[in-house]
C-alpha atoms as a PDB file:
ATOM      1  CA  MET A   1      -3.654  25.441-160.216  1.00  0.00           C
ATOM      2  CA  LEU A   2      -1.391  28.428-159.685  1.00  0.00           C
ATOM      3  CA  LEU A   3       1.431  26.371-158.178  1.00  0.00           C
ATOM      4  CA  GLN A   4       3.520  24.901-160.982  1.00  0.00           C
ATOM      5  CA  LYS A   5       6.072  22.136-161.530  1.00  0.00           C
ATOM      6  CA  ASN A   6       9.056  21.996-159.153  1.00  0.00           C
ATOM      7  CA  GLU A   7       8.030  25.127-157.283  1.00  0.00           C
ATOM      8  CA  LYS A   8       8.613  25.744-153.585  1.00  0.00           C
ATOM      9  CA  LEU A   9       5.941  27.015-151.210  1.00  0.00           C
ATOM     10  CA  ILE A  10       6.817  28.297-147.749  1.00  0.00           C
ATOM     11  CA  MET A  11       3.980  28.525-145.231  1.00  0.00           C
ATOM     12  CA  ILE A  12       4.907  30.726-142.278  1.00  0.00           C
ATOM     13  CA  GLY A  13       3.042  31.676-139.132  1.00  0.00           C
ATOM     14  CA  ASP A  14       2.467  30.805-135.484  1.00  0.00           C
ATOM     15  CA  SER A  15       1.351  27.646-133.642  1.00  0.00           C
ATOM     16  CA  ILE A  16      -1.548  27.048-136.025  1.00  0.00           C
ATOM     17  CA  THR A  17       0.987  26.674-138.826  1.00  0.00           C
ATOM     18  CA  ASP A  18       3.700  25.039-136.694  1.00  0.00           C
ATOM     19  CA  CYS A  19       1.382  22.353-135.290  1.00  0.00           C
ATOM     20  CA  GLU A  20       4.173  20.145-133.898  1.00  0.00           C
ATOM     21  CA  ARG A  21       6.385  20.166-136.953  1.00  0.00           C
ATOM     22  CA  LYS A  22       9.493  18.133-136.241  1.00  0.00           C
ATOM     23  CA  ARG A  23      12.979  19.592-136.079  1.00  0.00           C
ATOM     24  CA  PRO A  24      15.361  16.562-136.002  1.00  0.00           C
ATOM     25  CA  LEU A  25      19.028  17.162-135.246  1.00  0.00           C
ATOM     26  CA  GLY A  26      20.922  17.781-138.461  1.00  0.00           C
ATOM     27  CA  GLU A  27      17.866  18.800-140.442  1.00  0.00           C
ATOM     28  CA  GLY A  28      17.401  22.270-139.007  1.00  0.00           C
ATOM     29  CA  LEU A  29      14.014  23.770-139.792  1.00  0.00           C
ATOM     30  CA  PHE A  30      13.222  21.328-142.594  1.00  0.00           C
ATOM     31  CA  GLY A  31      12.567  18.379-140.315  1.00  0.00           C
ATOM     32  CA  GLY A  32       8.841  18.016-140.693  1.00  0.00           C
ATOM     33  CA  ILE A  33       5.629  19.487-141.930  1.00  0.00           C
ATOM     34  CA  GLY A  34       3.536  19.199-138.775  1.00  0.00           C
ATOM     35  CA  LYS A  35       0.079  17.800-138.127  1.00  0.00           C
ATOM     36  CA  GLY A  36      -2.117  20.746-139.114  1.00  0.00           C
ATOM     37  CA  TYR A  37      -3.426  22.505-142.195  1.00  0.00           C
ATOM     38  CA  VAL A  38       0.041  22.615-143.790  1.00  0.00           C
ATOM     39  CA  SER A  39       0.242  18.818-143.734  1.00  0.00           C
ATOM     40  CA  LEU A  40      -3.255  18.589-145.223  1.00  0.00           C
ATOM     41  CA  VAL A  41      -2.370  21.028-148.008  1.00  0.00           C
ATOM     42  CA  ASP A  42       0.765  19.006-148.722  1.00  0.00           C
ATOM     43  CA  ALA A  43      -1.080  15.663-148.708  1.00  0.00           C
ATOM     44  CA  LEU A  44      -3.879  16.855-150.964  1.00  0.00           C
ATOM     45  CA  ILE A  45      -1.521  18.491-153.454  1.00  0.00           C
ATOM     46  CA  GLN A  46       0.931  15.576-153.563  1.00  0.00           C
ATOM     47  CA  SER A  47      -1.875  13.029-153.985  1.00  0.00           C
ATOM     48  CA  THR A  48      -3.700  14.996-156.670  1.00  0.00           C
ATOM     49  CA  TYR A  49      -0.768  16.540-158.557  1.00  0.00           C
ATOM     50  CA  PRO A  50       2.150  14.121-157.979  1.00  0.00           C
ATOM     51  CA  GLU A  51       3.653  15.035-161.339  1.00  0.00           C
ATOM     52  CA  LEU A  52       4.350  18.600-160.177  1.00  0.00           C
ATOM     53  CA  GLY A  53       6.941  17.662-157.561  1.00  0.00           C
ATOM     54  CA  LEU A  54       6.008  20.628-155.386  1.00  0.00           C
ATOM     55  CA  ARG A  55       7.941  21.249-152.188  1.00  0.00           C
ATOM     56  CA  ILE A  56       6.005  22.637-149.229  1.00  0.00           C
ATOM     57  CA  ILE A  57       7.988  23.885-146.239  1.00  0.00           C
ATOM     58  CA  ASN A  58       6.409  24.611-142.849  1.00  0.00           C
ATOM     59  CA  MET A  59       8.076  27.592-141.145  1.00  0.00           C
ATOM     60  CA  GLY A  60       5.538  28.156-138.383  1.00  0.00           C
ATOM     61  CA  ILE A  61       6.763  28.798-134.828  1.00  0.00           C
ATOM     62  CA  SER A  62       4.403  28.566-131.889  1.00  0.00           C
ATOM     63  CA  GLY A  63       3.740  31.822-130.072  1.00  0.00           C
ATOM     64  CA  ASN A  64       4.960  34.047-132.886  1.00  0.00           C
ATOM     65  CA  THR A  65       3.619  37.507-133.626  1.00  0.00           C
ATOM     66  CA  VAL A  66       4.293  39.576-136.719  1.00  0.00           C
ATOM     67  CA  ARG A  67       7.138  41.127-134.733  1.00  0.00           C
ATOM     68  CA  ASP A  68       8.763  37.687-134.428  1.00  0.00           C
ATOM     69  CA  LEU A  69       8.296  37.036-138.148  1.00  0.00           C
ATOM     70  CA  LYS A  70      10.176  40.224-138.954  1.00  0.00           C
ATOM     71  CA  ASN A  71      13.094  39.131-136.756  1.00  0.00           C
ATOM     72  CA  ARG A  72      13.483  35.810-138.589  1.00  0.00           C
ATOM     73  CA  TRP A  73      12.355  36.840-142.071  1.00  0.00           C
ATOM     74  CA  GLU A  74      15.754  36.840-143.756  1.00  0.00           C
ATOM     75  CA  GLU A  75      16.710  33.382-142.493  1.00  0.00           C
ATOM     76  CA  ASP A  76      13.330  31.674-142.683  1.00  0.00           C
ATOM     77  CA  VAL A  77      11.947  33.196-145.886  1.00  0.00           C
ATOM     78  CA  GLU A  78      14.378  35.150-148.046  1.00  0.00           C
ATOM     79  CA  ASN A  79      17.340  32.786-147.716  1.00  0.00           C
ATOM     80  CA  LEU A  80      15.134  29.829-148.711  1.00  0.00           C
ATOM     81  CA  LYS A  81      14.121  31.514-151.986  1.00  0.00           C
ATOM     82  CA  PRO A  82      10.510  30.328-152.263  1.00  0.00           C
ATOM     83  CA  ASP A  83       8.438  30.640-155.410  1.00  0.00           C
ATOM     84  CA  TRP A  84       5.297  31.087-153.332  1.00  0.00           C
ATOM     85  CA  LEU A  85       4.761  32.308-149.788  1.00  0.00           C
ATOM     86  CA  SER A  86       1.778  31.879-147.471  1.00  0.00           C
ATOM     87  CA  ILE A  87       1.477  34.004-144.322  1.00  0.00           C
ATOM     88  CA  MET A  88      -0.974  33.534-141.472  1.00  0.00           C
ATOM     89  CA  ILE A  89      -0.114  35.687-138.456  1.00  0.00           C
ATOM     90  CA  GLY A  90      -1.991  37.847-135.982  1.00  0.00           C
ATOM     91  CA  ILE A  91      -3.622  35.502-133.495  1.00  0.00           C
ATOM     92  CA  ASN A  92      -0.955  36.025-130.831  1.00  0.00           C
ATOM     93  CA  ASP A  93      -0.736  39.725-131.665  1.00  0.00           C
ATOM     94  CA  VAL A  94      -4.364  39.916-130.490  1.00  0.00           C
ATOM     95  CA  TRP A  95      -4.403  37.142-127.867  1.00  0.00           C
ATOM     96  CA  ARG A  96      -1.612  38.641-125.760  1.00  0.00           C
ATOM     97  CA  GLN A  97      -3.806  41.692-125.294  1.00  0.00           C
ATOM     98  CA  TYR A  98      -6.323  39.434-123.518  1.00  0.00           C
ATOM     99  CA  ASP A  99      -4.349  36.697-121.745  1.00  0.00           C
ATOM    100  CA  GLN A 100      -1.515  39.049-120.736  1.00  0.00           C
ATOM    101  CA  PRO A 101      -3.348  42.363-120.386  1.00  0.00           C
ATOM    102  CA  THR A 102      -0.784  43.972-118.076  1.00  0.00           C
ATOM    103  CA  ILE A 103       2.302  42.768-119.998  1.00  0.00           C
ATOM    104  CA  ARG A 104       1.959  45.445-122.624  1.00  0.00           C
ATOM    105  CA  GLU A 105       5.364  44.880-124.161  1.00  0.00           C
ATOM    106  CA  SER A 106       4.003  41.590-125.540  1.00  0.00           C
ATOM    107  CA  HIS A 107       1.133  43.349-127.310  1.00  0.00           C
ATOM    108  CA  VAL A 108       1.295  44.123-131.013  1.00  0.00           C
ATOM    109  CA  TYR A 109      -1.285  46.817-131.689  1.00  0.00           C
ATOM    110  CA  PRO A 110      -2.934  47.415-135.082  1.00  0.00           C
ATOM    111  CA  GLU A 111      -0.580  50.179-136.218  1.00  0.00           C
ATOM    112  CA  GLU A 112       2.547  48.073-135.693  1.00  0.00           C
ATOM    113  CA  TYR A 113       0.842  44.975-137.060  1.00  0.00           C
ATOM    114  CA  GLU A 114      -0.145  46.670-140.306  1.00  0.00           C
ATOM    115  CA  ALA A 115       3.141  48.493-140.799  1.00  0.00           C
ATOM    116  CA  THR A 116       5.240  45.373-140.174  1.00  0.00           C
ATOM    117  CA  LEU A 117       3.152  43.032-142.321  1.00  0.00           C
ATOM    118  CA  ARG A 118       3.097  45.566-145.140  1.00  0.00           C
ATOM    119  CA  GLU A 119       6.870  46.021-144.910  1.00  0.00           C
ATOM    120  CA  LEU A 120       7.522  42.275-145.112  1.00  0.00           C
ATOM    121  CA  ILE A 121       5.245  41.876-148.120  1.00  0.00           C
ATOM    122  CA  GLN A 122       6.654  44.842-150.006  1.00  0.00           C
ATOM    123  CA  ARG A 123      10.216  43.670-149.554  1.00  0.00           C
ATOM    124  CA  THR A 124       9.412  40.066-150.527  1.00  0.00           C
ATOM    125  CA  LYS A 125       6.850  40.397-153.300  1.00  0.00           C
ATOM    126  CA  PRO A 126       9.400  41.174-156.068  1.00  0.00           C
ATOM    127  CA  GLN A 127      11.279  37.971-155.192  1.00  0.00           C
ATOM    128  CA  VAL A 128       8.368  35.510-155.479  1.00  0.00           C
ATOM    129  CA  LYS A 129       5.666  34.532-157.949  1.00  0.00           C
ATOM    130  CA  GLY A 130       2.915  35.123-155.432  1.00  0.00           C
ATOM    131  CA  ILE A 131       1.961  35.645-151.804  1.00  0.00           C
ATOM    132  CA  VAL A 132      -1.106  34.226-150.085  1.00  0.00           C
ATOM    133  CA  LEU A 133      -2.320  36.192-147.056  1.00  0.00           C
ATOM    134  CA  MET A 134      -4.479  34.275-144.603  1.00  0.00           C
ATOM    135  CA  THR A 135      -6.422  36.318-142.063  1.00  0.00           C
ATOM    136  CA  PRO A 136      -6.095  35.557-138.368  1.00  0.00           C
ATOM    137  CA  PHE A 137      -9.241  34.048-136.866  1.00  0.00           C
ATOM    138  CA  TYR A 138     -11.087  33.410-133.626  1.00  0.00           C
ATOM    139  CA  ILE A 139     -13.455  30.448-133.530  1.00  0.00           C
ATOM    140  CA  GLU A 140     -16.322  32.343-131.922  1.00  0.00           C
ATOM    141  CA  PRO A 141     -19.562  33.088-133.806  1.00  0.00           C
ATOM    142  CA  ASN A 142     -20.522  36.043-131.580  1.00  0.00           C
ATOM    143  CA  ARG A 143     -19.065  39.041-133.393  1.00  0.00           C
ATOM    144  CA  GLU A 144     -19.560  41.205-130.297  1.00  0.00           C
ATOM    145  CA  ASP A 145     -17.268  39.013-128.212  1.00  0.00           C
ATOM    146  CA  ALA A 146     -14.352  41.286-127.290  1.00  0.00           C
ATOM    147  CA  MET A 147     -11.566  39.128-128.703  1.00  0.00           C
ATOM    148  CA  ARG A 148     -13.568  38.180-131.818  1.00  0.00           C
ATOM    149  CA  LYS A 149     -14.248  41.852-132.466  1.00  0.00           C
ATOM    150  CA  ARG A 150     -10.565  42.694-132.071  1.00  0.00           C
ATOM    151  CA  MET A 151      -9.501  39.795-134.296  1.00  0.00           C
ATOM    152  CA  ASP A 152     -11.845  41.036-137.000  1.00  0.00           C
ATOM    153  CA  GLU A 153      -9.979  44.372-136.929  1.00  0.00           C
ATOM    154  CA  TYR A 154      -6.726  42.566-137.696  1.00  0.00           C
ATOM    155  CA  GLY A 155      -8.477  40.505-140.365  1.00  0.00           C
ATOM    156  CA  THR A 156      -9.628  43.721-142.007  1.00  0.00           C
ATOM    157  CA  ILE A 157      -6.023  44.930-142.043  1.00  0.00           C
ATOM    158  CA  VAL A 158      -4.943  41.753-143.846  1.00  0.00           C
ATOM    159  CA  LYS A 159      -7.734  42.162-146.395  1.00  0.00           C
ATOM    160  CA  ARG A 160      -6.730  45.762-147.049  1.00  0.00           C
ATOM    161  CA  ILE A 161      -3.062  44.874-147.495  1.00  0.00           C
ATOM    162  CA  ALA A 162      -3.939  41.990-149.828  1.00  0.00           C
ATOM    163  CA  GLU A 163      -6.025  44.267-152.018  1.00  0.00           C
ATOM    164  CA  GLU A 164      -3.460  47.065-152.097  1.00  0.00           C
ATOM    165  CA  THR A 165      -0.455  44.810-152.790  1.00  0.00           C
ATOM    166  CA  GLY A 166      -2.075  42.322-155.160  1.00  0.00           C
ATOM    167  CA  CYS A 167      -1.736  39.292-152.887  1.00  0.00           C
ATOM    168  CA  LEU A 168      -4.144  36.369-152.836  1.00  0.00           C
ATOM    169  CA  LEU A 169      -6.468  36.414-149.830  1.00  0.00           C
ATOM    170  CA  VAL A 170      -7.813  33.592-147.680  1.00  0.00           C
ATOM    171  CA  ASP A 171     -10.541  34.830-145.343  1.00  0.00           C
ATOM    172  CA  THR A 172     -10.214  32.126-142.700  1.00  0.00           C
ATOM    173  CA  GLN A 173     -12.848  33.684-140.443  1.00  0.00           C
ATOM    174  CA  ALA A 174     -15.400  33.478-143.249  1.00  0.00           C
ATOM    175  CA  ALA A 175     -14.373  29.870-143.881  1.00  0.00           C
ATOM    176  CA  PHE A 176     -15.204  28.997-140.273  1.00  0.00           C
ATOM    177  CA  GLU A 177     -18.540  30.817-140.316  1.00  0.00           C
ATOM    178  CA  SER A 178     -20.406  28.199-142.329  1.00  0.00           C
ATOM    179  CA  VAL A 179     -19.100  25.367-140.131  1.00  0.00           C
ATOM    180  CA  LEU A 180     -19.971  27.241-136.934  1.00  0.00           C
ATOM    181  CA  ARG A 181     -23.629  27.277-137.944  1.00  0.00           C
ATOM    182  CA  ASP A 182     -23.809  23.588-137.068  1.00  0.00           C
ATOM    183  CA  ILE A 183     -20.784  22.829-134.855  1.00  0.00           C
ATOM    184  CA  TYR A 184     -20.223  24.285-131.388  1.00  0.00           C
ATOM    185  CA  PRO A 185     -16.987  26.322-131.197  1.00  0.00           C
ATOM    186  CA  ALA A 186     -15.399  24.149-128.493  1.00  0.00           C
ATOM    187  CA  THR A 187     -15.757  21.168-130.831  1.00  0.00           C
ATOM    188  CA  LEU A 188     -13.578  22.924-133.397  1.00  0.00           C
ATOM    189  CA  ALA A 189     -11.134  24.422-130.881  1.00  0.00           C
ATOM    190  CA  TRP A 190     -11.108  23.922-127.109  1.00  0.00           C
ATOM    191  CA  ASP A 191      -9.671  27.416-126.610  1.00  0.00           C
ATOM    192  CA  ARG A 192     -11.293  28.930-129.724  1.00  0.00           C
ATOM    193  CA  VAL A 193      -7.811  29.321-131.224  1.00  0.00           C
ATOM    194  CA  HIS A 194      -6.111  25.949-131.795  1.00  0.00           C
ATOM    195  CA  PRO A 195      -8.297  23.977-134.218  1.00  0.00           C
ATOM    196  CA  SER A 196      -9.195  20.313-134.193  1.00  0.00           C
ATOM    197  CA  ALA A 197      -8.507  18.181-137.265  1.00  0.00           C
ATOM    198  CA  VAL A 198     -11.818  19.436-138.676  1.00  0.00           C
ATOM    199  CA  GLY A 199     -10.746  23.036-138.117  1.00  0.00           C
ATOM    200  CA  HIS A 200      -7.421  22.430-139.834  1.00  0.00           C
ATOM    201  CA  MET A 201      -9.259  20.917-142.780  1.00  0.00           C
ATOM    202  CA  VAL A 202     -11.371  24.082-143.005  1.00  0.00           C
ATOM    203  CA  LEU A 203      -8.135  26.094-143.249  1.00  0.00           C
ATOM    204  CA  ALA A 204      -6.584  23.721-145.796  1.00  0.00           C
ATOM    205  CA  LYS A 205      -9.646  23.781-148.047  1.00  0.00           C
ATOM    206  CA  ALA A 206      -9.797  27.590-147.917  1.00  0.00           C
ATOM    207  CA  PHE A 207      -6.123  27.851-148.864  1.00  0.00           C
ATOM    208  CA  LEU A 208      -6.439  25.355-151.708  1.00  0.00           C
ATOM    209  CA  ALA A 209      -9.457  27.189-153.107  1.00  0.00           C
ATOM    210  CA  ALA A 210      -7.383  30.388-153.260  1.00  0.00           C
ATOM    211  CA  VAL A 211      -4.625  28.751-155.318  1.00  0.00           C
ATOM    212  CA  GLY A 212      -7.012  27.064-157.757  1.00  0.00           C
ATOM    213  CA  TYR A 213      -6.708  23.483-156.535  1.00  0.00           C
ATOM    214  CA  GLU A 214      -9.152  21.110-158.226  1.00  0.00           C
ATOM    215  CA  TYR A 215     -10.215  17.875-156.545  1.00  0.00           C
ATOM    216  CA  GLN A 216      -9.917  14.957-158.952  1.00  0.00           C
END
């Protein structure tokens, strides 16, 4: 596995990453790891590789866009000095274009999305051992659905940045495709965005495959 002894992994993103992570008084942003894919990644790694003593920190914040990540990057990433960084962002960048169509100041269009994500990666990559980029997703098998089609555009941006900057890539949309052949989308996510426990396991397994995790 790529993650090595005593290393620190920060996983940053929006509500899918956040997933009710606790923030107890006095513990700041280190209060909990949440109930989603981050907690599953942590549980699987700690149970399989307990000797590594890896520290996984959940820095997701519900509702965030890549614009929000930029505003908190120094405090929530750089100051914490991770060895590894995982980023999954873009769902709200797209969703606001559909659930708030007239509030255009909340929209993050592809040009800003790509430029901001690329900037954050370029400034952080020299400081870490590796970065894992996870594409945004929409749990909808119909690729002609308007929001699915738009989300795929943002996923393509993430893939391009990963290739050009040498980051690891997790294609979350592809990970959901095989499951969606047999499970109705609403079973995985009532709003096609916030996954059930099964959906979070799909994300966790895709992430672990990218970092070379081996089930024992």
